[in-house]
Amino acid sequence: MPNTKGYRRGTRYMFSIPFRHHGPLVTSTYLKVFKVGDIVDIKGLGSVQKGMPHKVYHGKTGRVFNVTKRALGVVVNKQIRNRIIPKKINVRIEHVKHSKCRDDFLRRVKENERKKKEAKEKGEFVQLKRQPVGPTCGHFVSTKNNVPEVVLPVPYEFVA
């Protein structure tokens, strides 16, 4: 059979509801507050067909540029051959969630501000840049109460 050419082709598992998550949507989905400029993740939900994004945008992250009663306008980057084009799409709120991509960055900013304030009060320098994890230190293994165990391969036995 040749490939189908429908709008939702190849989305059998992409838009499926996870195991033990069937049934009506939780109310908190509709109570989330989205503002212009928020970063959101787009994830199509198969149980709600209205306002569903095209499969190309599934799993993409974008920025909200418009908020309406039931939907959001999101700017998403889409790669087409050798260029990346910002696309504006309208998606219902069931298919988006707040992105956690900036949580770690914002947490580090707050932590650095706190460290700077404490260092300024004490009048000393504090290193705020992230440092790579160095190699682990070398050590000796004592064999006093730890008898070394010899590991040998099991000899091959032919069973007829």
N, C-alpha and C. Protein backbone atom coordinates (compact mmCIF):
# COMPACT_ATOMS: atom_id res chain seq x y z
N MET A 1 0.83 -1.19 0.00
CA MET A 1 0.00 0.00 0.00
C MET A 1 0.88 1.25 0.00
N PRO A 2 0.59 2.25 -0.84
CA PRO A 2 1.42 3.45 -0.87
C PRO A 2 1.20 4.32 0.37
N ASN A 3 2.10 5.27 0.57
CA ASN A 3 1.98 6.17 1.72
C ASN A 3 0.71 7.01 1.61
N THR A 4 0.06 7.20 2.77
CA THR A 4 -1.09 8.11 2.78
C THR A 4 -0.56 9.54 2.72
N LYS A 5 -1.42 10.45 2.34
CA LYS A 5 -0.97 11.83 2.18
C LYS A 5 -1.79 12.79 3.03
N GLY A 6 -2.33 12.28 4.12
CA GLY A 6 -3.21 13.10 4.96
C GLY A 6 -2.45 14.08 5.82
N TYR A 7 -3.22 14.97 6.44
CA TYR A 7 -2.69 16.04 7.29
C TYR A 7 -2.03 15.47 8.55
N ARG A 8 -2.57 14.33 9.04
CA ARG A 8 -2.06 13.74 10.28
C ARG A 8 -1.32 12.44 10.02
N ARG A 9 -0.75 12.27 8.85
CA ARG A 9 -0.08 11.01 8.53
C ARG A 9 1.14 10.80 9.42
N GLY A 10 1.32 9.59 9.88
CA GLY A 10 2.48 9.23 10.69
C GLY A 10 2.40 9.71 12.13
N THR A 11 1.20 9.99 12.62
CA THR A 11 1.08 10.53 13.98
C THR A 11 0.39 9.56 14.92
N ARG A 12 0.40 8.26 14.60
CA ARG A 12 -0.31 7.27 15.42
C ARG A 12 0.17 7.30 16.87
N TYR A 13 1.46 7.37 17.07
CA TYR A 13 2.02 7.38 18.43
C TYR A 13 2.29 8.80 18.92
N MET A 14 2.50 9.72 18.00
CA MET A 14 2.82 11.10 18.35
C MET A 14 1.67 11.77 19.10
N PHE A 15 0.45 11.61 18.61
CA PHE A 15 -0.70 12.27 19.21
C PHE A 15 -1.49 11.35 20.14
N SER A 16 -0.98 10.14 20.42
CA SER A 16 -1.73 9.22 21.28
C SER A 16 -1.65 9.65 22.73
N ILE A 17 -2.66 9.31 23.49
CA ILE A 17 -2.71 9.64 24.91
C ILE A 17 -1.84 8.63 25.66
N PRO A 18 -1.01 9.08 26.61
CA PRO A 18 -0.16 8.14 27.35
C PRO A 18 -0.98 7.12 28.14
N PHE A 19 -0.36 6.02 28.47
CA PHE A 19 -1.00 4.95 29.23
C PHE A 19 -1.48 5.48 30.58
N ARG A 20 -2.72 5.12 30.95
CA ARG A 20 -3.38 5.55 32.19
C ARG A 20 -3.63 7.06 32.26
N HIS A 21 -3.68 7.73 31.12
CA HIS A 21 -4.00 9.15 31.10
C HIS A 21 -5.21 9.44 30.20
N HIS A 22 -6.00 8.41 29.92
CA HIS A 22 -7.19 8.58 29.09
C HIS A 22 -8.29 9.27 29.88
N GLY A 23 -9.36 9.64 29.21
CA GLY A 23 -10.49 10.27 29.88
C GLY A 23 -10.47 11.77 29.69
N PRO A 24 -11.35 12.46 30.42
CA PRO A 24 -11.44 13.92 30.25
C PRO A 24 -10.18 14.61 30.75
N LEU A 25 -9.93 15.80 30.19
CA LEU A 25 -8.75 16.57 30.58
C LEU A 25 -8.91 17.11 32.00
N VAL A 26 -7.77 17.27 32.68
CA VAL A 26 -7.81 17.86 34.01
C VAL A 26 -8.11 19.35 33.88
N THR A 27 -8.81 19.89 34.85
CA THR A 27 -9.26 21.28 34.80
C THR A 27 -8.10 22.27 34.84
N SER A 28 -6.98 21.86 35.47
CA SER A 28 -5.84 22.78 35.60
C SER A 28 -5.27 23.18 34.24
N THR A 29 -5.54 22.37 33.21
CA THR A 29 -5.08 22.71 31.86
C THR A 29 -5.66 24.06 31.42
N TYR A 30 -6.91 24.30 31.78
CA TYR A 30 -7.60 25.53 31.35
C TYR A 30 -7.36 26.70 32.30
N LEU A 31 -6.78 26.43 33.47
CA LEU A 31 -6.57 27.50 34.45
C LEU A 31 -5.17 28.10 34.39
N LYS A 32 -4.32 27.60 33.52
CA LYS A 32 -2.96 28.13 33.41
C LYS A 32 -3.00 29.51 32.77
N VAL A 33 -2.14 30.37 33.25
CA VAL A 33 -2.10 31.75 32.76
C VAL A 33 -0.93 31.89 31.79
N PHE A 34 -1.21 32.34 30.58
CA PHE A 34 -0.18 32.59 29.57
C PHE A 34 -0.16 34.08 29.28
N LYS A 35 1.05 34.63 29.17
CA LYS A 35 1.20 36.05 28.86
C LYS A 35 2.06 36.19 27.61
N VAL A 36 1.96 37.33 26.97
CA VAL A 36 2.78 37.60 25.79
C VAL A 36 4.25 37.60 26.21
N GLY A 37 5.07 36.86 25.47
CA GLY A 37 6.49 36.77 25.79
C GLY A 37 6.86 35.49 26.51
N ASP A 38 5.87 34.72 27.00
CA ASP A 38 6.17 33.45 27.66
C ASP A 38 6.75 32.46 26.67
N ILE A 39 7.62 31.58 27.17
CA ILE A 39 8.18 30.51 26.34
C ILE A 39 7.36 29.26 26.60
N VAL A 40 6.83 28.65 25.54
CA VAL A 40 5.96 27.48 25.69
C VAL A 40 6.45 26.34 24.81
N ASP A 41 6.14 25.12 25.26
CA ASP A 41 6.41 23.90 24.48
C ASP A 41 5.11 23.47 23.82
N ILE A 42 5.20 23.09 22.55
CA ILE A 42 4.01 22.66 21.81
C ILE A 42 3.99 21.14 21.78
N LYS A 43 2.87 20.58 22.25
CA LYS A 43 2.71 19.13 22.26
C LYS A 43 1.27 18.83 21.92
N GLY A 44 1.04 18.30 20.73
CA GLY A 44 -0.32 18.02 20.28
C GLY A 44 -0.99 16.96 21.14
N LEU A 45 -2.24 17.21 21.53
CA LEU A 45 -3.00 16.27 22.35
C LEU A 45 -4.10 15.68 21.48
N GLY A 46 -4.05 14.37 21.30
CA GLY A 46 -4.94 13.70 20.35
C GLY A 46 -6.41 13.73 20.72
N SER A 47 -6.72 13.87 22.01
CA SER A 47 -8.13 13.84 22.41
C SER A 47 -8.85 15.15 22.10
N VAL A 48 -8.09 16.21 21.81
CA VAL A 48 -8.70 17.50 21.44
C VAL A 48 -8.26 17.81 20.02
N GLN A 49 -9.20 17.70 19.07
CA GLN A 49 -8.83 17.90 17.67
C GLN A 49 -8.83 19.37 17.27
N LYS A 50 -9.61 20.19 17.98
CA LYS A 50 -9.69 21.60 17.63
C LYS A 50 -8.38 22.31 17.98
N GLY A 51 -7.95 23.18 17.12
CA GLY A 51 -6.78 24.01 17.41
C GLY A 51 -5.50 23.23 17.54
N MET A 52 -5.43 22.05 16.93
CA MET A 52 -4.25 21.21 17.05
C MET A 52 -3.17 21.69 16.08
N PRO A 53 -1.91 21.73 16.53
CA PRO A 53 -0.84 22.15 15.61
C PRO A 53 -0.51 21.04 14.61
N HIS A 54 0.10 21.43 13.51
CA HIS A 54 0.57 20.43 12.54
C HIS A 54 1.68 19.61 13.17
N LYS A 55 1.84 18.38 12.70
CA LYS A 55 2.82 17.47 13.30
C LYS A 55 4.25 18.01 13.24
N VAL A 56 4.53 18.93 12.32
CA VAL A 56 5.86 19.52 12.20
C VAL A 56 6.24 20.28 13.47
N TYR A 57 5.25 20.89 14.12
CA TYR A 57 5.52 21.73 15.29
C TYR A 57 5.47 20.95 16.61
N HIS A 58 5.15 19.67 16.57
CA HIS A 58 5.07 18.85 17.78
C HIS A 58 6.45 18.75 18.42
N GLY A 59 6.55 19.14 19.69
CA GLY A 59 7.82 19.08 20.40
C GLY A 59 8.67 20.32 20.26
N LYS A 60 8.18 21.33 19.55
CA LYS A 60 8.95 22.56 19.34
C LYS A 60 8.67 23.55 20.47
N THR A 61 9.61 24.46 20.66
CA THR A 61 9.47 25.51 21.67
C THR A 61 9.35 26.85 20.97
N GLY A 62 8.42 27.68 21.44
CA GLY A 62 8.21 28.98 20.82
C GLY A 62 7.86 30.03 21.86
N ARG A 63 7.67 31.26 21.37
CA ARG A 63 7.36 32.39 22.25
C ARG A 63 5.96 32.91 21.92
N VAL A 64 5.17 33.18 22.94
CA VAL A 64 3.78 33.65 22.77
C VAL A 64 3.79 35.09 22.28
N PHE A 65 3.06 35.35 21.17
CA PHE A 65 2.95 36.73 20.67
C PHE A 65 1.51 37.23 20.73
N ASN A 66 0.55 36.33 20.99
CA ASN A 66 -0.85 36.74 21.03
C ASN A 66 -1.61 35.80 21.96
N VAL A 67 -2.52 36.36 22.75
CA VAL A 67 -3.36 35.57 23.66
C VAL A 67 -4.81 35.87 23.37
N THR A 68 -5.59 34.83 23.10
CA THR A 68 -7.03 34.99 22.90
C THR A 68 -7.76 34.19 23.98
N LYS A 69 -9.07 34.06 23.84
CA LYS A 69 -9.87 33.43 24.88
C LYS A 69 -9.50 31.96 25.08
N ARG A 70 -9.33 31.23 23.99
CA ARG A 70 -9.07 29.80 24.09
C ARG A 70 -7.76 29.36 23.45
N ALA A 71 -7.03 30.28 22.85
CA ALA A 71 -5.85 29.89 22.10
C ALA A 71 -4.71 30.88 22.29
N LEU A 72 -3.57 30.48 21.77
CA LEU A 72 -2.37 31.31 21.83
C LEU A 72 -1.79 31.45 20.44
N GLY A 73 -1.20 32.59 20.16
CA GLY A 73 -0.38 32.75 18.96
C GLY A 73 1.06 32.53 19.37
N VAL A 74 1.75 31.62 18.70
CA VAL A 74 3.12 31.26 19.08
C VAL A 74 4.04 31.41 17.87
N VAL A 75 5.21 32.01 18.10
CA VAL A 75 6.23 32.11 17.05
C VAL A 75 7.19 30.95 17.24
N VAL A 76 7.31 30.11 16.20
CA VAL A 76 8.15 28.92 16.26
C VAL A 76 9.11 28.96 15.08
N ASN A 77 10.36 28.56 15.31
CA ASN A 77 11.33 28.46 14.22
C ASN A 77 11.15 27.15 13.49
N LYS A 78 11.14 27.22 12.16
CA LYS A 78 10.99 26.02 11.32
C LYS A 78 12.11 26.01 10.30
N GLN A 79 12.83 24.89 10.24
CA GLN A 79 13.92 24.79 9.27
C GLN A 79 13.38 24.30 7.94
N ILE A 80 13.65 25.07 6.89
CA ILE A 80 13.27 24.69 5.53
C ILE A 80 14.54 24.74 4.69
N ARG A 81 15.04 23.58 4.33
CA ARG A 81 16.29 23.41 3.60
C ARG A 81 17.45 24.11 4.32
N ASN A 82 17.95 25.21 3.77
CA ASN A 82 19.16 25.82 4.33
C ASN A 82 18.87 27.06 5.18
N ARG A 83 17.61 27.29 5.55
CA ARG A 83 17.31 28.49 6.32
C ARG A 83 16.29 28.17 7.41
N ILE A 84 16.26 29.01 8.41
CA ILE A 84 15.31 28.86 9.51
C ILE A 84 14.33 30.03 9.46
N ILE A 85 13.05 29.72 9.36
CA ILE A 85 12.02 30.74 9.19
C ILE A 85 11.16 30.81 10.46
N PRO A 86 10.95 32.01 11.04
CA PRO A 86 10.01 32.10 12.16
C PRO A 86 8.58 32.02 11.64
N LYS A 87 7.81 31.05 12.14
CA LYS A 87 6.43 30.85 11.71
C LYS A 87 5.49 31.23 12.85
N LYS A 88 4.40 31.90 12.52
CA LYS A 88 3.39 32.25 13.51
C LYS A 88 2.23 31.27 13.38
N ILE A 89 1.95 30.54 14.46
CA ILE A 89 0.85 29.58 14.44
C ILE A 89 -0.09 29.86 15.60
N ASN A 90 -1.35 29.49 15.42
CA ASN A 90 -2.35 29.61 16.48
C ASN A 90 -2.66 28.22 17.00
N VAL A 91 -2.53 28.05 18.31
CA VAL A 91 -2.70 26.75 18.94
C VAL A 91 -3.60 26.92 20.16
N ARG A 92 -4.51 25.97 20.35
CA ARG A 92 -5.34 26.00 21.56
C ARG A 92 -4.50 25.66 22.78
N ILE A 93 -4.96 26.11 23.95
CA ILE A 93 -4.15 25.97 25.17
C ILE A 93 -3.99 24.52 25.62
N GLU A 94 -4.83 23.59 25.11
CA GLU A 94 -4.66 22.18 25.47
C GLU A 94 -3.37 21.61 24.91
N HIS A 95 -2.86 22.23 23.85
CA HIS A 95 -1.70 21.70 23.14
C HIS A 95 -0.39 22.40 23.50
N VAL A 96 -0.41 23.28 24.50
CA VAL A 96 0.82 23.97 24.90
C VAL A 96 1.00 23.86 26.42
N LYS A 97 2.24 24.00 26.86
CA LYS A 97 2.53 24.05 28.29
C LYS A 97 3.73 24.96 28.48
N HIS A 98 3.86 25.51 29.68
CA HIS A 98 4.98 26.39 29.98
C HIS A 98 6.28 25.61 29.87
N SER A 99 7.27 26.20 29.20
CA SER A 99 8.55 25.54 29.03
C SER A 99 9.41 25.70 30.27
N LYS A 100 10.20 24.68 30.56
CA LYS A 100 11.10 24.72 31.71
C LYS A 100 12.53 24.99 31.29
N CYS A 101 12.72 25.46 30.05
CA CYS A 101 14.07 25.63 29.52
C CYS A 101 14.83 26.75 30.22
N ARG A 102 14.13 27.75 30.76
CA ARG A 102 14.81 28.88 31.41
C ARG A 102 14.83 28.77 32.92
N ASP A 103 14.21 27.73 33.49
CA ASP A 103 14.14 27.62 34.95
C ASP A 103 15.52 27.57 35.59
N ASP A 104 16.41 26.76 35.03
CA ASP A 104 17.75 26.63 35.60
C ASP A 104 18.51 27.95 35.50
N PHE A 105 18.37 28.64 34.36
CA PHE A 105 19.04 29.92 34.16
C PHE A 105 18.56 30.96 35.17
N LEU A 106 17.23 31.07 35.34
CA LEU A 106 16.68 32.05 36.27
C LEU A 106 17.06 31.72 37.72
N ARG A 107 17.13 30.42 38.04
CA ARG A 107 17.56 30.02 39.38
C ARG A 107 19.01 30.43 39.62
N ARG A 108 19.87 30.25 38.61
CA ARG A 108 21.27 30.64 38.74
C ARG A 108 21.43 32.16 38.87
N VAL A 109 20.60 32.92 38.15
CA VAL A 109 20.66 34.38 38.23
C VAL A 109 20.34 34.84 39.66
N LYS A 110 19.28 34.27 40.25
CA LYS A 110 18.92 34.63 41.62
C LYS A 110 20.02 34.25 42.60
N GLU A 111 20.58 33.06 42.41
CA GLU A 111 21.66 32.59 43.29
C GLU A 111 22.89 33.49 43.18
N ASN A 112 23.23 33.88 41.95
CA ASN A 112 24.39 34.76 41.75
C ASN A 112 24.18 36.14 42.36
N GLU A 113 22.95 36.66 42.25
CA GLU A 113 22.66 37.95 42.87
C GLU A 113 22.81 37.88 44.38
N ARG A 114 22.35 36.78 44.96
CA ARG A 114 22.48 36.60 46.40
C ARG A 114 23.95 36.51 46.81
N LYS A 115 24.74 35.75 46.04
CA LYS A 115 26.18 35.61 46.33
C LYS A 115 26.91 36.95 46.20
N LYS A 116 26.54 37.73 45.15
CA LYS A 116 27.17 39.04 44.95
C LYS A 116 26.89 39.98 46.12
N LYS A 117 25.63 39.95 46.59
CA LYS A 117 25.24 40.83 47.69
C LYS A 117 26.02 40.47 48.96
N GLU A 118 26.13 39.16 49.25
CA GLU A 118 26.86 38.72 50.44
C GLU A 118 28.34 39.07 50.33
N ALA A 119 28.93 38.90 49.13
CA ALA A 119 30.35 39.19 48.94
C ALA A 119 30.62 40.68 49.06
N LYS A 120 29.68 41.50 48.60
CA LYS A 120 29.86 42.96 48.68
C LYS A 120 29.85 43.42 50.14
N GLU A 121 28.97 42.79 50.94
CA GLU A 121 28.92 43.15 52.36
C GLU A 121 30.22 42.79 53.08
N LYS A 122 30.79 41.62 52.71
CA LYS A 122 32.04 41.17 53.33
C LYS A 122 33.26 41.82 52.71
N GLY A 123 33.10 42.37 51.52
CA GLY A 123 34.20 43.03 50.82
C GLY A 123 35.20 42.06 50.23
N GLU A 124 34.72 40.97 49.66
CA GLU A 124 35.62 39.99 49.05
C GLU A 124 35.10 39.62 47.66
N PHE A 125 35.98 38.94 46.88
CA PHE A 125 35.65 38.53 45.51
C PHE A 125 35.00 37.15 45.54
N VAL A 126 33.97 36.97 44.70
CA VAL A 126 33.33 35.66 44.60
C VAL A 126 33.26 35.26 43.13
N GLN A 127 33.55 33.99 42.86
CA GLN A 127 33.52 33.44 41.49
C GLN A 127 32.09 33.03 41.17
N LEU A 128 31.50 33.64 40.13
CA LEU A 128 30.12 33.36 39.77
C LEU A 128 29.99 32.50 38.52
N LYS A 129 31.08 32.36 37.77
CA LYS A 129 31.01 31.57 36.55
C LYS A 129 30.96 30.08 36.88
N ARG A 130 30.26 29.33 36.03
CA ARG A 130 30.20 27.89 36.23
C ARG A 130 31.56 27.28 35.90
N GLN A 131 32.03 26.39 36.75
CA GLN A 131 33.32 25.75 36.55
C GLN A 131 33.11 24.29 36.14
N PRO A 132 33.92 23.79 35.19
CA PRO A 132 33.78 22.38 34.82
C PRO A 132 34.20 21.47 35.97
N VAL A 133 33.58 20.31 36.03
CA VAL A 133 33.90 19.36 37.08
C VAL A 133 35.26 18.75 36.79
N GLY A 134 36.16 18.83 37.73
CA GLY A 134 37.52 18.32 37.54
C GLY A 134 37.56 16.81 37.68
N PRO A 135 38.74 16.23 37.40
CA PRO A 135 38.87 14.77 37.53
C PRO A 135 38.85 14.36 39.01
N THR A 136 38.43 13.13 39.26
CA THR A 136 38.40 12.64 40.64
C THR A 136 39.82 12.39 41.12
N CYS A 137 40.04 12.54 42.41
CA CYS A 137 41.38 12.36 42.98
C CYS A 137 41.76 10.89 43.00
N GLY A 138 43.08 10.64 42.85
CA GLY A 138 43.57 9.26 42.91
C GLY A 138 43.63 8.77 44.35
N HIS A 139 43.57 7.46 44.55
CA HIS A 139 43.63 6.89 45.89
C HIS A 139 44.13 5.44 45.81
N PHE A 140 44.60 4.95 46.93
CA PHE A 140 45.06 3.57 47.02
C PHE A 140 43.98 2.70 47.64
N VAL A 141 43.89 1.47 47.17
CA VAL A 141 42.95 0.52 47.73
C VAL A 141 43.71 -0.41 48.66
N SER A 142 43.32 -0.44 49.91
CA SER A 142 44.01 -1.27 50.90
C SER A 142 43.58 -2.73 50.75
N THR A 143 44.55 -3.64 50.86
CA THR A 143 44.25 -5.08 50.79
C THR A 143 44.42 -5.73 52.15
N LYS A 144 44.39 -4.95 53.21
CA LYS A 144 44.60 -5.49 54.56
C LYS A 144 43.49 -6.46 54.94
N ASN A 145 42.25 -6.01 54.89
CA ASN A 145 41.10 -6.87 55.17
C ASN A 145 40.26 -7.11 53.92
N ASN A 146 40.91 -6.93 52.77
CA ASN A 146 40.21 -7.03 51.49
C ASN A 146 41.05 -7.90 50.57
N VAL A 147 40.81 -9.21 50.62
CA VAL A 147 41.62 -10.16 49.84
C VAL A 147 41.28 -10.02 48.36
N PRO A 148 42.32 -9.86 47.51
CA PRO A 148 42.05 -9.75 46.06
C PRO A 148 41.43 -11.04 45.52
N GLU A 149 40.48 -10.87 44.61
CA GLU A 149 39.80 -12.03 44.03
C GLU A 149 40.26 -12.19 42.59
N VAL A 150 40.68 -13.40 42.26
CA VAL A 150 41.16 -13.69 40.91
C VAL A 150 39.97 -14.08 40.05
N VAL A 151 39.81 -13.42 38.93
CA VAL A 151 38.70 -13.69 38.03
C VAL A 151 39.24 -14.39 36.79
N LEU A 152 38.73 -15.60 36.53
CA LEU A 152 39.16 -16.39 35.38
C LEU A 152 37.94 -16.76 34.55
N PRO A 153 38.12 -16.96 33.24
CA PRO A 153 36.98 -17.39 32.43
C PRO A 153 36.60 -18.83 32.76
N VAL A 154 35.30 -19.14 32.63
CA VAL A 154 34.82 -20.50 32.87
C VAL A 154 35.25 -21.37 31.69
N PRO A 155 35.89 -22.52 31.95
CA PRO A 155 36.31 -23.38 30.83
C PRO A 155 35.12 -23.93 30.06
N TYR A 156 35.30 -24.02 28.74
CA TYR A 156 34.23 -24.50 27.88
C TYR A 156 34.05 -25.99 28.06
N GLU A 157 32.80 -26.43 28.26
CA GLU A 157 32.51 -27.85 28.38
C GLU A 157 31.52 -28.23 27.30
N PHE A 158 31.86 -29.25 26.54
CA PHE A 158 30.97 -29.73 25.49
C PHE A 158 30.04 -30.78 26.07
N VAL A 159 28.74 -30.54 26.05
CA VAL A 159 27.76 -31.49 26.59
C VAL A 159 27.07 -32.14 25.41
N ALA A 160 27.21 -33.49 25.31
CA ALA A 160 26.61 -34.20 24.18
C ALA A 160 25.39 -34.97 24.61
